């Protein structure tokens, strides 16, 4: 899901193989250019990613190429 604050990904914990906090920490540290916030509840893992303004999304990139 995309909004003005970035992209949100919501996973059901029962279906997500990553259960250990260290595994989720790997996602958090994966790319320093992306600001990430991970929230873990009893039922869900919510990951919000805020890309920097210098990143182009596919629709804008496609327009820029043509």
PDB file of N, CA and C in Angstrom:
ATOM      1  N   UNK A   1       0.851  -1.157   0.000  1.00  0.00           N
ATOM      2  CA  UNK A   1       0.000   0.000   0.000  1.00  0.00           C
ATOM      3  C   UNK A   1       0.908   1.235   0.000  1.00  0.00           C
ATOM      4  N   UNK A   2       0.614   2.211  -0.858  1.00  0.00           N
ATOM      5  CA  UNK A   2       1.415   3.426  -0.942  1.00  0.00           C
ATOM      6  C   UNK A   2       0.570   4.616  -0.519  1.00  0.00           C
ATOM      7  N   UNK A   3       1.169   5.500   0.267  1.00  0.00           N
ATOM      8  CA  UNK A   3       0.527   6.756   0.613  1.00  0.00           C
ATOM      9  C   UNK A   3       1.590   7.841   0.618  1.00  0.00           C
ATOM     10  N   UNK A   4       1.243   9.031   1.090  1.00  0.00           N
ATOM     11  CA  UNK A   4       2.200  10.137   1.058  1.00  0.00           C
ATOM     12  C   UNK A   4       3.374   9.947   2.014  1.00  0.00           C
ATOM     13  N   UNK A   5       3.275   8.999   2.919  1.00  0.00           N
ATOM     14  CA  UNK A   5       4.356   8.746   3.871  1.00  0.00           C
ATOM     15  C   UNK A   5       5.278   7.617   3.431  1.00  0.00           C
ATOM     16  N   UNK A   6       4.951   6.947   2.344  1.00  0.00           N
ATOM     17  CA  UNK A   6       5.796   5.851   1.876  1.00  0.00           C
ATOM     18  C   UNK A   6       4.978   4.630   1.516  1.00  0.00           C
ATOM     19  N   UNK A   7       5.611   3.494   1.599  1.00  0.00           N
ATOM     20  CA  UNK A   7       4.975   2.220   1.267  1.00  0.00           C
ATOM     21  C   UNK A   7       4.838   1.398   2.540  1.00  0.00           C
ATOM     22  N   UNK A   8       3.700   0.740   2.689  1.00  0.00           N
ATOM     23  CA  UNK A   8       3.463  -0.122   3.843  1.00  0.00           C
ATOM     24  C   UNK A   8       3.226  -1.548   3.376  1.00  0.00           C
ATOM     25  N   UNK A   9       3.836  -2.474   4.087  1.00  0.00           N
ATOM     26  CA  UNK A   9       3.658  -3.897   3.831  1.00  0.00           C
ATOM     27  C   UNK A   9       3.196  -4.525   5.138  1.00  0.00           C
ATOM     28  N   UNK A  10       2.092  -5.252   5.092  1.00  0.00           N
ATOM     29  CA  UNK A  10       1.548  -5.881   6.291  1.00  0.00           C
ATOM     30  C   UNK A  10       1.497  -7.382   6.057  1.00  0.00           C
ATOM     31  N   UNK A  11       2.099  -8.129   6.985  1.00  0.00           N
ATOM     32  CA  UNK A  11       2.155  -9.585   6.893  1.00  0.00           C
ATOM     33  C   UNK A  11       1.498 -10.189   8.127  1.00  0.00           C
ATOM     34  N   UNK A  12       0.772 -11.274   7.938  1.00  0.00           N
ATOM     35  CA  UNK A  12       0.241 -12.032   9.063  1.00  0.00           C
ATOM     36  C   UNK A  12       1.395 -12.838   9.647  1.00  0.00           C
ATOM     37  N   UNK A  13       1.604 -12.748  10.934  1.00  0.00           N
ATOM     38  CA  UNK A  13       2.741 -13.444  11.552  1.00  0.00           C
ATOM     39  C   UNK A  13       2.682 -14.944  11.339  1.00  0.00           C
ATOM     40  N   UNK A  14       1.493 -15.507  11.311  1.00  0.00           N
ATOM     41  CA  UNK A  14       1.364 -16.955  11.129  1.00  0.00           C
ATOM     42  C   UNK A  14       1.888 -17.393   9.765  1.00  0.00           C
ATOM     43  N   UNK A  15       1.842 -16.503   8.763  1.00  0.00           N
ATOM     44  CA  UNK A  15       2.272 -16.854   7.412  1.00  0.00           C
ATOM     45  C   UNK A  15       3.674 -16.353   7.093  1.00  0.00           C
ATOM     46  N   UNK A  16       4.274 -15.596   7.976  1.00  0.00           N
ATOM     47  CA  UNK A  16       5.603 -15.037   7.744  1.00  0.00           C
ATOM     48  C   UNK A  16       6.649 -15.943   8.370  1.00  0.00           C
ATOM     49  N   UNK A  17       7.580 -16.477   7.566  1.00  0.00           N
ATOM     50  CA  UNK A  17       8.577 -17.373   8.134  1.00  0.00           C
ATOM     51  C   UNK A  17       9.528 -16.672   9.111  1.00  0.00           C
ATOM     52  N   UNK A  18       9.681 -15.356   8.992  1.00  0.00           N
ATOM     53  CA  UNK A  18      10.578 -14.626   9.892  1.00  0.00           C
ATOM     54  C   UNK A  18       9.867 -14.362  11.210  1.00  0.00           C
ATOM     55  N   UNK A  19      10.229 -15.042  12.227  1.00  0.00           N
ATOM     56  CA  UNK A  19       9.612 -14.859  13.538  1.00  0.00           C
ATOM     57  C   UNK A  19      10.592 -14.281  14.552  1.00  0.00           C
ATOM     58  N   UNK A  20      11.857 -14.555  14.358  1.00  0.00           N
ATOM     59  CA  UNK A  20      12.888 -14.102  15.283  1.00  0.00           C
ATOM     60  C   UNK A  20      13.162 -12.611  15.066  1.00  0.00           C
ATOM     61  N   UNK A  21      13.265 -11.818  16.124  1.00  0.00           N
ATOM     62  CA  UNK A  21      13.560 -10.391  15.977  1.00  0.00           C
ATOM     63  C   UNK A  21      14.854 -10.112  15.207  1.00  0.00           C
ATOM     64  N   UNK A  22      15.833 -11.003  15.300  1.00  0.00           N
ATOM     65  CA  UNK A  22      17.078 -10.802  14.557  1.00  0.00           C
ATOM     66  C   UNK A  22      16.857 -10.905  13.052  1.00  0.00           C
ATOM     67  N   UNK A  23      15.931 -11.751  12.634  1.00  0.00           N
ATOM     68  CA  UNK A  23      15.617 -11.862  11.209  1.00  0.00           C
ATOM     69  C   UNK A  23      14.969 -10.573  10.704  1.00  0.00           C
ATOM     70  N   UNK A  24      14.099  -9.996  11.503  1.00  0.00           N
ATOM     71  CA  UNK A  24      13.467  -8.736  11.122  1.00  0.00           C
ATOM     72  C   UNK A  24      14.471  -7.589  11.158  1.00  0.00           C
ATOM     73  N   UNK A  25      15.442  -7.664  12.035  1.00  0.00           N
ATOM     74  CA  UNK A  25      16.490  -6.643  12.101  1.00  0.00           C
ATOM     75  C   UNK A  25      17.297  -6.623  10.806  1.00  0.00           C
ATOM     76  N   UNK A  26      17.457  -7.774  10.182  1.00  0.00           N
ATOM     77  CA  UNK A  26      18.163  -7.863   8.903  1.00  0.00           C
ATOM     78  C   UNK A  26      17.454  -7.015   7.848  1.00  0.00           C
ATOM     79  N   UNK A  27      16.132  -7.052   7.815  1.00  0.00           N
ATOM     80  CA  UNK A  27      15.368  -6.212   6.889  1.00  0.00           C
ATOM     81  C   UNK A  27      15.612  -4.741   7.198  1.00  0.00           C
ATOM     82  N   UNK A  28      15.609  -4.408   8.461  1.00  0.00           N
ATOM     83  CA  UNK A  28      15.792  -3.014   8.876  1.00  0.00           C
ATOM     84  C   UNK A  28      17.154  -2.477   8.442  1.00  0.00           C
ATOM     85  N   UNK A  29      18.176  -3.302   8.477  1.00  0.00           N
ATOM     86  CA  UNK A  29      19.535  -2.862   8.157  1.00  0.00           C
ATOM     87  C   UNK A  29      19.928  -3.098   6.698  1.00  0.00           C
ATOM     88  N   UNK A  30      19.034  -3.643   5.887  1.00  0.00           N
ATOM     89  CA  UNK A  30      19.379  -4.076   4.530  1.00  0.00           C
ATOM     90  C   UNK A  30      19.862  -2.952   3.623  1.00  0.00           C
ATOM     91  N   UNK A  31      19.255  -1.800   3.624  1.00  0.00           N
ATOM     92  CA  UNK A  31      19.627  -0.713   2.718  1.00  0.00           C
ATOM     93  C   UNK A  31      19.527   0.599   3.478  1.00  0.00           C
ATOM     94  N   UNK A  32      20.661   1.240   3.700  1.00  0.00           N
ATOM     95  CA  UNK A  32      20.678   2.466   4.489  1.00  0.00           C
ATOM     96  C   UNK A  32      19.978   3.635   3.801  1.00  0.00           C
ATOM     97  N   UNK A  33      19.841   3.587   2.473  1.00  0.00           N
ATOM     98  CA  UNK A  33      19.194   4.683   1.747  1.00  0.00           C
ATOM     99  C   UNK A  33      17.694   4.744   2.037  1.00  0.00           C
ATOM    100  N   UNK A  34      17.117   3.622   2.404  1.00  0.00           N
ATOM    101  CA  UNK A  34      15.684   3.563   2.689  1.00  0.00           C
ATOM    102  C   UNK A  34      15.439   3.691   4.187  1.00  0.00           C
ATOM    103  N   UNK A  35      14.554   4.591   4.556  1.00  0.00           N
ATOM    104  CA  UNK A  35      14.144   4.677   5.953  1.00  0.00           C
ATOM    105  C   UNK A  35      13.066   3.628   6.171  1.00  0.00           C
ATOM    106  N   UNK A  36      13.262   2.791   7.181  1.00  0.00           N
ATOM    107  CA  UNK A  36      12.313   1.711   7.443  1.00  0.00           C
ATOM    108  C   UNK A  36      11.864   1.749   8.898  1.00  0.00           C
ATOM    109  N   UNK A  37      10.602   1.429   9.084  1.00  0.00           N
ATOM    110  CA  UNK A  37      10.054   1.287  10.429  1.00  0.00           C
ATOM    111  C   UNK A  37       9.332  -0.055  10.469  1.00  0.00           C
ATOM    112  N   UNK A  38       9.687  -0.888  11.427  1.00  0.00           N
ATOM    113  CA  UNK A  38       9.074  -2.210  11.553  1.00  0.00           C
ATOM    114  C   UNK A  38       8.324  -2.265  12.875  1.00  0.00           C
ATOM    115  N   UNK A  39       7.066  -2.625  12.788  1.00  0.00           N
ATOM    116  CA  UNK A  39       6.223  -2.760  13.976  1.00  0.00           C
ATOM    117  C   UNK A  39       5.709  -4.192  14.032  1.00  0.00           C
ATOM    118  N   UNK A  40       5.944  -4.841  15.154  1.00  0.00           N
ATOM    119  CA  UNK A  40       5.516  -6.229  15.322  1.00  0.00           C
ATOM    120  C   UNK A  40       4.450  -6.275  16.407  1.00  0.00           C
ATOM    121  N   UNK A  41       3.287  -6.803  16.045  1.00  0.00           N
ATOM    122  CA  UNK A  41       2.225  -7.021  17.018  1.00  0.00           C
ATOM    123  C   UNK A  41       2.040  -8.527  17.171  1.00  0.00           C
ATOM    124  N   UNK A  42       1.091  -8.903  17.975  1.00  0.00           N
ATOM    125  CA  UNK A  42       0.840 -10.332  18.195  1.00  0.00           C
ATOM    126  C   UNK A  42       0.438 -11.038  16.899  1.00  0.00           C
ATOM    127  N   UNK A  43      -0.278 -10.329  16.030  1.00  0.00           N
ATOM    128  CA  UNK A  43      -0.808 -10.944  14.813  1.00  0.00           C
ATOM    129  C   UNK A  43      -0.111 -10.530  13.525  1.00  0.00           C
ATOM    130  N   UNK A  44       0.522  -9.345  13.518  1.00  0.00           N
ATOM    131  CA  UNK A  44       1.040  -8.796  12.266  1.00  0.00           C
ATOM    132  C   UNK A  44       2.461  -8.277  12.386  1.00  0.00           C
ATOM    133  N   UNK A  45       3.106  -8.222  11.229  1.00  0.00           N
ATOM    134  CA  UNK A  45       4.373  -7.511  11.084  1.00  0.00           C
ATOM    135  C   UNK A  45       4.112  -6.429  10.045  1.00  0.00           C
ATOM    136  N   UNK A  46       4.275  -5.169  10.449  1.00  0.00           N
ATOM    137  CA  UNK A  46       4.055  -4.038   9.546  1.00  0.00           C
ATOM    138  C   UNK A  46       5.402  -3.398   9.249  1.00  0.00           C
ATOM    139  N   UNK A  47       5.688  -3.252   7.977  1.00  0.00           N
ATOM    140  CA  UNK A  47       6.939  -2.638   7.547  1.00  0.00           C
ATOM    141  C   UNK A  47       6.587  -1.414   6.719  1.00  0.00           C
ATOM    142  N   UNK A  48       7.053  -0.248   7.150  1.00  0.00           N
ATOM    143  CA  UNK A  48       6.852   0.991   6.395  1.00  0.00           C
ATOM    144  C   UNK A  48       8.214   1.412   5.843  1.00  0.00           C
ATOM    145  N   UNK A  49       8.244   1.671   4.544  1.00  0.00           N
ATOM    146  CA  UNK A  49       9.477   2.067   3.868  1.00  0.00           C
ATOM    147  C   UNK A  49       9.274   3.460   3.292  1.00  0.00           C
ATOM    148  N   UNK A  50      10.200   4.360   3.610  1.00  0.00           N
ATOM    149  CA  UNK A  50      10.168   5.721   3.086  1.00  0.00           C
ATOM    150  C   UNK A  50      11.400   5.930   2.218  1.00  0.00           C
ATOM    151  N   UNK A  51      11.240   5.861   0.902  1.00  0.00           N
ATOM    152  CA  UNK A  51      12.383   6.062   0.019  1.00  0.00           C
ATOM    153  C   UNK A  51      12.744   7.547  -0.063  1.00  0.00           C
ATOM    154  N   UNK A  52      14.008   7.860  -0.307  1.00  0.00           N
ATOM    155  CA  UNK A  52      14.402   9.261  -0.455  1.00  0.00           C
ATOM    156  C   UNK A  52      13.825   9.854  -1.745  1.00  0.00           C
ATOM    157  N   UNK A  53      13.773  11.167  -1.818  1.00  0.00           N
ATOM    158  CA  UNK A  53      13.213  11.853  -2.988  1.00  0.00           C
ATOM    159  C   UNK A  53      13.991  11.541  -4.262  1.00  0.00           C
ATOM    160  N   UNK A  54      15.238  11.148  -4.131  1.00  0.00           N
ATOM    161  CA  UNK A  54      16.060  10.849  -5.313  1.00  0.00           C
ATOM    162  C   UNK A  54      15.666   9.537  -5.993  1.00  0.00           C
ATOM    163  N   UNK A  55      14.881   8.704  -5.337  1.00  0.00           N
ATOM    164  CA  UNK A  55      14.435   7.444  -5.937  1.00  0.00           C
ATOM    165  C   UNK A  55      13.284   7.715  -6.904  1.00  0.00           C
ATOM    166  N   UNK A  56      13.294   7.046  -8.055  1.00  0.00           N
ATOM    167  CA  UNK A  56      12.200   7.126  -9.020  1.00  0.00           C
ATOM    168  C   UNK A  56      11.408   5.833  -8.973  1.00  0.00           C
ATOM    169  N   UNK A  57      10.090   5.957  -8.980  1.00  0.00           N
ATOM    170  CA  UNK A  57       9.236   4.782  -9.024  1.00  0.00           C
ATOM    171  C   UNK A  57       8.974   4.424 -10.475  1.00  0.00           C
ATOM    172  N   UNK A  58       8.610   3.183 -10.727  1.00  0.00           N
ATOM    173  CA  UNK A  58       8.482   2.681 -12.084  1.00  0.00           C
ATOM    174  C   UNK A  58       7.615   3.558 -12.987  1.00  0.00           C
ATOM    175  N   UNK A  59       6.415   3.987 -12.578  1.00  0.00           N
ATOM    176  CA  UNK A  59       5.611   4.825 -13.485  1.00  0.00           C
ATOM    177  C   UNK A  59       6.326   6.116 -13.897  1.00  0.00           C
ATOM    178  N   UNK A  60       7.016   6.767 -12.968  1.00  0.00           N
ATOM    179  CA  UNK A  60       7.750   7.993 -13.304  1.00  0.00           C
ATOM    180  C   UNK A  60       8.963   7.680 -14.167  1.00  0.00           C
ATOM    181  N   UNK A  61       9.612   6.572 -13.905  1.00  0.00           N
ATOM    182  CA  UNK A  61      10.766   6.165 -14.696  1.00  0.00           C
ATOM    183  C   UNK A  61      10.338   5.852 -16.122  1.00  0.00           C
ATOM    184  N   UNK A  62       9.216   5.189 -16.271  1.00  0.00           N
ATOM    185  CA  UNK A  62       8.691   4.844 -17.593  1.00  0.00           C
ATOM    186  C   UNK A  62       8.389   6.118 -18.389  1.00  0.00           C
ATOM    187  N   UNK A  63       7.801   7.124 -17.752  1.00  0.00           N
ATOM    188  CA  UNK A  63       7.501   8.397 -18.414  1.00  0.00           C
ATOM    189  C   UNK A  63       8.793   9.109 -18.796  1.00  0.00           C
ATOM    190  N   UNK A  64       9.780   9.069 -17.909  1.00  0.00           N
ATOM    191  CA  UNK A  64      11.048   9.747 -18.151  1.00  0.00           C
ATOM    192  C   UNK A  64      11.790   9.129 -19.337  1.00  0.00           C
ATOM    193  N   UNK A  65      11.680   7.829 -19.523  1.00  0.00           N
ATOM    194  CA  UNK A  65      12.361   7.133 -20.614  1.00  0.00           C
ATOM    195  C   UNK A  65      11.719   7.487 -21.952  1.00  0.00           C
ATOM    196  N   UNK A  66      10.392   7.604 -21.974  1.00  0.00           N
ATOM    197  CA  UNK A  66       9.689   7.885 -23.244  1.00  0.00           C
ATOM    198  C   UNK A  66       9.681   9.333 -23.462  1.00  0.00           C
TER     199      UNK A  66
END
